[in-house]
Amino acid sequence: MNRKKKSWSELSSRQRRVIIAMFSVQSILAVSAWADLARRDRASVNGSKTKWAAIIAINFVGPIAYFRRGRIQSK
């Protein structure tokens, strides 16, 4: 299976909208996670802040992992 990658101009209008929407959601998640991480003190982060900053950069998985596992919730 040898599929040629399509250029932006070869994509349909719908495909372009989906890509832009996915990029927007991923960007919002990442920026929100980095902002939250920057405001938290080290004691309320589960592990190294540097490690979590790098993990957040991983597509959708990173920010979601940070919000689920990286923050220590106060009770």
PDB file of N, CA and C in Angstrom:
ATOM      1  N   MET A   1       0.834  -1.178   0.000  1.00  0.00           N
ATOM      2  CA  MET A   1       0.000   0.000   0.000  1.00  0.00           C
ATOM      3  C   MET A   1       0.876   1.238   0.000  1.00  0.00           C
ATOM      4  N   ASN A   2       0.919   1.898  -1.077  1.00  0.00           N
ATOM      5  CA  ASN A   2       1.747   3.088  -1.199  1.00  0.00           C
ATOM      6  C   ASN A   2       0.846   4.301  -1.406  1.00  0.00           C
ATOM      7  N   ARG A   3       0.531   4.973  -0.324  1.00  0.00           N
ATOM      8  CA  ARG A   3      -0.340   6.140  -0.406  1.00  0.00           C
ATOM      9  C   ARG A   3       0.506   7.403  -0.437  1.00  0.00           C
ATOM     10  N   LYS A   4       0.230   8.230  -1.403  1.00  0.00           N
ATOM     11  CA  LYS A   4       0.918   9.504  -1.506  1.00  0.00           C
ATOM     12  C   LYS A   4       0.257  10.481  -0.533  1.00  0.00           C
ATOM     13  N   LYS A   5       1.066  11.204   0.193  1.00  0.00           N
ATOM     14  CA  LYS A   5       0.514  12.217   1.087  1.00  0.00           C
ATOM     15  C   LYS A   5      -0.085  13.340   0.259  1.00  0.00           C
ATOM     16  N   LYS A   6      -1.254  13.793   0.699  1.00  0.00           N
ATOM     17  CA  LYS A   6      -1.915  14.890   0.001  1.00  0.00           C
ATOM     18  C   LYS A   6      -1.388  16.215   0.534  1.00  0.00           C
ATOM     19  N   SER A   7      -1.268  17.170  -0.346  1.00  0.00           N
ATOM     20  CA  SER A   7      -0.914  18.511   0.095  1.00  0.00           C
ATOM     21  C   SER A   7      -2.191  19.200   0.585  1.00  0.00           C
ATOM     22  N   TRP A   8      -2.021  20.313   1.271  1.00  0.00           N
ATOM     23  CA  TRP A   8      -3.158  21.044   1.826  1.00  0.00           C
ATOM     24  C   TRP A   8      -4.163  21.400   0.725  1.00  0.00           C
ATOM     25  N   SER A   9      -3.658  21.807  -0.414  1.00  0.00           N
ATOM     26  CA  SER A   9      -4.551  22.220  -1.508  1.00  0.00           C
ATOM     27  C   SER A   9      -5.330  21.045  -2.104  1.00  0.00           C
ATOM     28  N   GLU A  10      -4.862  19.834  -1.891  1.00  0.00           N
ATOM     29  CA  GLU A  10      -5.559  18.655  -2.406  1.00  0.00           C
ATOM     30  C   GLU A  10      -6.653  18.143  -1.464  1.00  0.00           C
ATOM     31  N   LEU A  11      -6.690  18.651  -0.266  1.00  0.00           N
ATOM     32  CA  LEU A  11      -7.703  18.219   0.697  1.00  0.00           C
ATOM     33  C   LEU A  11      -9.040  18.887   0.403  1.00  0.00           C
ATOM     34  N   SER A  12     -10.113  18.177   0.730  1.00  0.00           N
ATOM     35  CA  SER A  12     -11.442  18.763   0.562  1.00  0.00           C
ATOM     36  C   SER A  12     -11.670  19.806   1.648  1.00  0.00           C
ATOM     37  N   SER A  13     -12.663  20.610   1.439  1.00  0.00           N
ATOM     38  CA  SER A  13     -13.004  21.643   2.415  1.00  0.00           C
ATOM     39  C   SER A  13     -13.333  21.011   3.776  1.00  0.00           C
ATOM     40  N   ARG A  14     -14.053  19.912   3.761  1.00  0.00           N
ATOM     41  CA  ARG A  14     -14.413  19.214   4.997  1.00  0.00           C
ATOM     42  C   ARG A  14     -13.165  18.681   5.708  1.00  0.00           C
ATOM     43  N   GLN A  15     -12.238  18.095   4.956  1.00  0.00           N
ATOM     44  CA  GLN A  15     -11.010  17.571   5.552  1.00  0.00           C
ATOM     45  C   GLN A  15     -10.195  18.687   6.188  1.00  0.00           C
ATOM     46  N   ARG A  16     -10.145  19.826   5.533  1.00  0.00           N
ATOM     47  CA  ARG A  16      -9.412  20.971   6.085  1.00  0.00           C
ATOM     48  C   ARG A  16     -10.049  21.436   7.396  1.00  0.00           C
ATOM     49  N   ARG A  17     -11.379  21.508   7.428  1.00  0.00           N
ATOM     50  CA  ARG A  17     -12.080  21.941   8.648  1.00  0.00           C
ATOM     51  C   ARG A  17     -11.820  20.978   9.803  1.00  0.00           C
ATOM     52  N   VAL A  18     -11.827  19.678   9.514  1.00  0.00           N
ATOM     53  CA  VAL A  18     -11.567  18.677  10.559  1.00  0.00           C
ATOM     54  C   VAL A  18     -10.150  18.834  11.103  1.00  0.00           C
ATOM     55  N   ILE A  19      -9.190  19.017  10.233  1.00  0.00           N
ATOM     56  CA  ILE A  19      -7.794  19.189  10.667  1.00  0.00           C
ATOM     57  C   ILE A  19      -7.645  20.444  11.513  1.00  0.00           C
ATOM     58  N   ILE A  20      -8.260  21.537  11.074  1.00  0.00           N
ATOM     59  CA  ILE A  20      -8.182  22.788  11.838  1.00  0.00           C
ATOM     60  C   ILE A  20      -8.854  22.626  13.199  1.00  0.00           C
ATOM     61  N   ALA A  21      -9.994  21.958  13.252  1.00  0.00           N
ATOM     62  CA  ALA A  21     -10.690  21.744  14.521  1.00  0.00           C
ATOM     63  C   ALA A  21      -9.849  20.887  15.466  1.00  0.00           C
ATOM     64  N   MET A  22      -9.264  19.812  14.941  1.00  0.00           N
ATOM     65  CA  MET A  22      -8.434  18.941  15.786  1.00  0.00           C
ATOM     66  C   MET A  22      -7.200  19.691  16.292  1.00  0.00           C
ATOM     67  N   PHE A  23      -6.586  20.481  15.437  1.00  0.00           N
ATOM     68  CA  PHE A  23      -5.425  21.273  15.837  1.00  0.00           C
ATOM     69  C   PHE A  23      -5.823  22.267  16.929  1.00  0.00           C
ATOM     70  N   SER A  24      -6.980  22.892  16.774  1.00  0.00           N
ATOM     71  CA  SER A  24      -7.449  23.868  17.762  1.00  0.00           C
ATOM     72  C   SER A  24      -7.684  23.222  19.122  1.00  0.00           C
ATOM     73  N   VAL A  25      -8.362  22.083  19.126  1.00  0.00           N
ATOM     74  CA  VAL A  25      -8.634  21.382  20.388  1.00  0.00           C
ATOM     75  C   VAL A  25      -7.327  20.973  21.052  1.00  0.00           C
ATOM     76  N   GLN A  26      -6.410  20.405  20.277  1.00  0.00           N
ATOM     77  CA  GLN A  26      -5.138  19.965  20.839  1.00  0.00           C
ATOM     78  C   GLN A  26      -4.353  21.155  21.396  1.00  0.00           C
ATOM     79  N   SER A  27      -4.363  22.260  20.676  1.00  0.00           N
ATOM     80  CA  SER A  27      -3.640  23.456  21.135  1.00  0.00           C
ATOM     81  C   SER A  27      -4.235  24.000  22.425  1.00  0.00           C
ATOM     82  N   ILE A  28      -5.553  24.060  22.494  1.00  0.00           N
ATOM     83  CA  ILE A  28      -6.220  24.556  23.705  1.00  0.00           C
ATOM     84  C   ILE A  28      -5.911  23.653  24.893  1.00  0.00           C
ATOM     85  N   LEU A  29      -5.962  22.341  24.681  1.00  0.00           N
ATOM     86  CA  LEU A  29      -5.619  21.402  25.756  1.00  0.00           C
ATOM     87  C   LEU A  29      -4.187  21.617  26.238  1.00  0.00           C
ATOM     88  N   ALA A  30      -3.252  21.719  25.303  1.00  0.00           N
ATOM     89  CA  ALA A  30      -1.842  21.868  25.677  1.00  0.00           C
ATOM     90  C   ALA A  30      -1.590  23.186  26.402  1.00  0.00           C
ATOM     91  N   VAL A  31      -2.119  24.282  25.876  1.00  0.00           N
ATOM     92  CA  VAL A  31      -1.913  25.591  26.512  1.00  0.00           C
ATOM     93  C   VAL A  31      -2.538  25.611  27.903  1.00  0.00           C
ATOM     94  N   SER A  32      -3.716  25.027  28.045  1.00  0.00           N
ATOM     95  CA  SER A  32      -4.374  24.968  29.363  1.00  0.00           C
ATOM     96  C   SER A  32      -3.543  24.149  30.351  1.00  0.00           C
ATOM     97  N   ALA A  33      -3.029  23.024  29.899  1.00  0.00           N
ATOM     98  CA  ALA A  33      -2.223  22.170  30.774  1.00  0.00           C
ATOM     99  C   ALA A  33      -0.922  22.873  31.169  1.00  0.00           C
ATOM    100  N   TRP A  34      -0.249  23.502  30.197  1.00  0.00           N
ATOM    101  CA  TRP A  34       1.000  24.209  30.523  1.00  0.00           C
ATOM    102  C   TRP A  34       0.740  25.373  31.471  1.00  0.00           C
ATOM    103  N   ALA A  35      -0.362  26.094  31.274  1.00  0.00           N
ATOM    104  CA  ALA A  35      -0.689  27.212  32.161  1.00  0.00           C
ATOM    105  C   ALA A  35      -0.964  26.706  33.574  1.00  0.00           C
ATOM    106  N   ASP A  36      -1.718  25.618  33.686  1.00  0.00           N
ATOM    107  CA  ASP A  36      -2.004  25.035  34.994  1.00  0.00           C
ATOM    108  C   ASP A  36      -0.710  24.566  35.663  1.00  0.00           C
ATOM    109  N   LEU A  37       0.142  23.915  34.899  1.00  0.00           N
ATOM    110  CA  LEU A  37       1.414  23.420  35.435  1.00  0.00           C
ATOM    111  C   LEU A  37       2.295  24.578  35.913  1.00  0.00           C
ATOM    112  N   ALA A  38       2.320  25.658  35.165  1.00  0.00           N
ATOM    113  CA  ALA A  38       3.147  26.809  35.533  1.00  0.00           C
ATOM    114  C   ALA A  38       2.661  27.459  36.830  1.00  0.00           C
ATOM    115  N   ARG A  39       1.355  27.456  37.059  1.00  0.00           N
ATOM    116  CA  ARG A  39       0.795  28.090  38.265  1.00  0.00           C
ATOM    117  C   ARG A  39       0.898  27.217  39.511  1.00  0.00           C
ATOM    118  N   ARG A  40       1.003  25.933  39.342  1.00  0.00           N
ATOM    119  CA  ARG A  40       1.055  25.024  40.496  1.00  0.00           C
ATOM    120  C   ARG A  40       2.440  25.009  41.133  1.00  0.00           C
ATOM    121  N   ASP A  41       2.457  24.882  42.448  1.00  0.00           N
ATOM    122  CA  ASP A  41       3.761  24.706  43.076  1.00  0.00           C
ATOM    123  C   ASP A  41       4.146  23.220  42.976  1.00  0.00           C
ATOM    124  N   ARG A  42       5.418  22.933  43.170  1.00  0.00           N
ATOM    125  CA  ARG A  42       5.939  21.581  42.950  1.00  0.00           C
ATOM    126  C   ARG A  42       5.249  20.530  43.821  1.00  0.00           C
ATOM    127  N   ALA A  43       4.810  20.913  44.990  1.00  0.00           N
ATOM    128  CA  ALA A  43       4.189  19.956  45.904  1.00  0.00           C
ATOM    129  C   ALA A  43       2.834  19.461  45.404  1.00  0.00           C
ATOM    130  N   SER A  44       2.214  20.200  44.506  1.00  0.00           N
ATOM    131  CA  SER A  44       0.896  19.777  44.023  1.00  0.00           C
ATOM    132  C   SER A  44       0.959  19.151  42.620  1.00  0.00           C
ATOM    133  N   VAL A  45       2.176  18.743  42.214  1.00  0.00           N
ATOM    134  CA  VAL A  45       2.363  18.048  40.940  1.00  0.00           C
ATOM    135  C   VAL A  45       2.914  16.663  41.236  1.00  0.00           C
ATOM    136  N   ASN A  46       2.323  15.660  40.615  1.00  0.00           N
ATOM    137  CA  ASN A  46       2.731  14.270  40.810  1.00  0.00           C
ATOM    138  C   ASN A  46       3.957  13.976  39.943  1.00  0.00           C
ATOM    139  N   GLY A  47       5.145  14.250  40.476  1.00  0.00           N
ATOM    140  CA  GLY A  47       6.382  14.040  39.730  1.00  0.00           C
ATOM    141  C   GLY A  47       7.033  15.362  39.367  1.00  0.00           C
ATOM    142  N   SER A  48       7.956  15.287  38.432  1.00  0.00           N
ATOM    143  CA  SER A  48       8.733  16.448  38.018  1.00  0.00           C
ATOM    144  C   SER A  48       7.920  17.362  37.092  1.00  0.00           C
ATOM    145  N   LYS A  49       7.970  18.664  37.360  1.00  0.00           N
ATOM    146  CA  LYS A  49       7.287  19.614  36.485  1.00  0.00           C
ATOM    147  C   LYS A  49       7.911  19.604  35.092  1.00  0.00           C
ATOM    148  N   THR A  50       9.215  19.411  35.010  1.00  0.00           N
ATOM    149  CA  THR A  50       9.901  19.351  33.711  1.00  0.00           C
ATOM    150  C   THR A  50       9.410  18.155  32.905  1.00  0.00           C
ATOM    151  N   LYS A  51       9.262  17.019  33.567  1.00  0.00           N
ATOM    152  CA  LYS A  51       8.752  15.817  32.898  1.00  0.00           C
ATOM    153  C   LYS A  51       7.346  16.048  32.371  1.00  0.00           C
ATOM    154  N   TRP A  52       6.483  16.639  33.182  1.00  0.00           N
ATOM    155  CA  TRP A  52       5.109  16.882  32.756  1.00  0.00           C
ATOM    156  C   TRP A  52       5.045  17.912  31.632  1.00  0.00           C
ATOM    157  N   ALA A  53       5.918  18.902  31.653  1.00  0.00           N
ATOM    158  CA  ALA A  53       5.935  19.891  30.564  1.00  0.00           C
ATOM    159  C   ALA A  53       6.245  19.211  29.231  1.00  0.00           C
ATOM    160  N   ALA A  54       7.158  18.241  29.243  1.00  0.00           N
ATOM    161  CA  ALA A  54       7.486  17.503  28.019  1.00  0.00           C
ATOM    162  C   ALA A  54       6.338  16.577  27.614  1.00  0.00           C
ATOM    163  N   ILE A  55       5.725  15.911  28.570  1.00  0.00           N
ATOM    164  CA  ILE A  55       4.623  14.987  28.270  1.00  0.00           C
ATOM    165  C   ILE A  55       3.433  15.733  27.664  1.00  0.00           C
ATOM    166  N   ILE A  56       3.172  16.930  28.137  1.00  0.00           N
ATOM    167  CA  ILE A  56       2.048  17.723  27.629  1.00  0.00           C
ATOM    168  C   ILE A  56       2.187  17.968  26.127  1.00  0.00           C
ATOM    169  N   ALA A  57       3.406  17.998  25.628  1.00  0.00           N
ATOM    170  CA  ALA A  57       3.632  18.265  24.197  1.00  0.00           C
ATOM    171  C   ALA A  57       3.203  17.110  23.298  1.00  0.00           C
ATOM    172  N   ILE A  58       2.868  15.964  23.878  1.00  0.00           N
ATOM    173  CA  ILE A  58       2.500  14.782  23.089  1.00  0.00           C
ATOM    174  C   ILE A  58       1.015  14.844  22.732  1.00  0.00           C
ATOM    175  N   ASN A  59       0.713  15.274  21.535  1.00  0.00           N
ATOM    176  CA  ASN A  59      -0.653  15.338  20.992  1.00  0.00           C
ATOM    177  C   ASN A  59      -1.745  15.459  22.056  1.00  0.00           C
ATOM    178  N   PHE A  60      -2.839  14.757  21.877  1.00  0.00           N
ATOM    179  CA  PHE A  60      -3.959  14.819  22.821  1.00  0.00           C
ATOM    180  C   PHE A  60      -3.647  14.066  24.106  1.00  0.00           C
ATOM    181  N   VAL A  61      -2.831  13.050  24.000  1.00  0.00           N
ATOM    182  CA  VAL A  61      -2.552  12.159  25.119  1.00  0.00           C
ATOM    183  C   VAL A  61      -1.861  12.892  26.268  1.00  0.00           C
ATOM    184  N   GLY A  62      -0.901  13.732  25.961  1.00  0.00           N
ATOM    185  CA  GLY A  62      -0.119  14.408  27.001  1.00  0.00           C
ATOM    186  C   GLY A  62      -0.934  15.287  27.921  1.00  0.00           C
ATOM    187  N   PRO A  63      -1.696  16.244  27.374  1.00  0.00           N
ATOM    188  CA  PRO A  63      -2.489  17.100  28.259  1.00  0.00           C
ATOM    189  C   PRO A  63      -3.538  16.324  29.054  1.00  0.00           C
ATOM    190  N   ILE A  64      -4.155  15.339  28.429  1.00  0.00           N
ATOM    191  CA  ILE A  64      -5.154  14.536  29.130  1.00  0.00           C
ATOM    192  C   ILE A  64      -4.500  13.756  30.265  1.00  0.00           C
ATOM    193  N   ALA A  65      -3.329  13.187  30.004  1.00  0.00           N
ATOM    194  CA  ALA A  65      -2.593  12.462  31.053  1.00  0.00           C
ATOM    195  C   ALA A  65      -2.233  13.402  32.200  1.00  0.00           C
ATOM    196  N   TYR A  66      -1.821  14.616  31.871  1.00  0.00           N
ATOM    197  CA  TYR A  66      -1.476  15.572  32.922  1.00  0.00           C
ATOM    198  C   TYR A  66      -2.691  15.888  33.791  1.00  0.00           C
ATOM    199  N   PHE A  67      -3.826  16.189  33.161  1.00  0.00           N
ATOM    200  CA  PHE A  67      -5.020  16.527  33.936  1.00  0.00           C
ATOM    201  C   PHE A  67      -5.527  15.343  34.758  1.00  0.00           C
ATOM    202  N   ARG A  68      -5.320  14.124  34.268  1.00  0.00           N
ATOM    203  CA  ARG A  68      -5.799  12.933  34.990  1.00  0.00           C
ATOM    204  C   ARG A  68      -4.805  12.453  36.054  1.00  0.00           C
ATOM    205  N   ARG A  69      -3.509  12.491  35.750  1.00  0.00           N
ATOM    206  CA  ARG A  69      -2.510  11.862  36.625  1.00  0.00           C
ATOM    207  C   ARG A  69      -1.443  12.806  37.174  1.00  0.00           C
ATOM    208  N   GLY A  70      -1.238  13.930  36.534  1.00  0.00           N
ATOM    209  CA  GLY A  70      -0.134  14.804  36.904  1.00  0.00           C
ATOM    210  C   GLY A  70      -0.400  15.753  38.055  1.00  0.00           C
ATOM    211  N   ARG A  71      -1.665  16.020  38.295  1.00  0.00           N
ATOM    212  CA  ARG A  71      -1.990  16.973  39.359  1.00  0.00           C
ATOM    213  C   ARG A  71      -2.405  16.224  40.618  1.00  0.00           C
ATOM    214  N   ILE A  72      -1.968  16.742  41.742  1.00  0.00           N
ATOM    215  CA  ILE A  72      -2.391  16.193  43.024  1.00  0.00           C
ATOM    216  C   ILE A  72      -3.555  17.077  43.481  1.00  0.00           C
ATOM    217  N   GLN A  73      -4.708  16.482  43.578  1.00  0.00           N
ATOM    218  CA  GLN A  73      -5.911  17.216  43.947  1.00  0.00           C
ATOM    219  C   GLN A  73      -5.957  17.406  45.464  1.00  0.00           C
ATOM    220  N   SER A  74      -6.269  18.625  45.870  1.00  0.00           N
ATOM    221  CA  SER A  74      -6.424  18.873  47.304  1.00  0.00           C
ATOM    222  C   SER A  74      -7.793  18.360  47.727  1.00  0.00           C
ATOM    223  N   LYS A  75      -7.860  17.806  48.922  1.00  0.00           N
ATOM    224  CA  LYS A  75      -9.105  17.203  49.407  1.00  0.00           C
ATOM    225  C   LYS A  75      -9.776  18.057  50.429  1.00  0.00           C
TER     226      LYS A  75
END
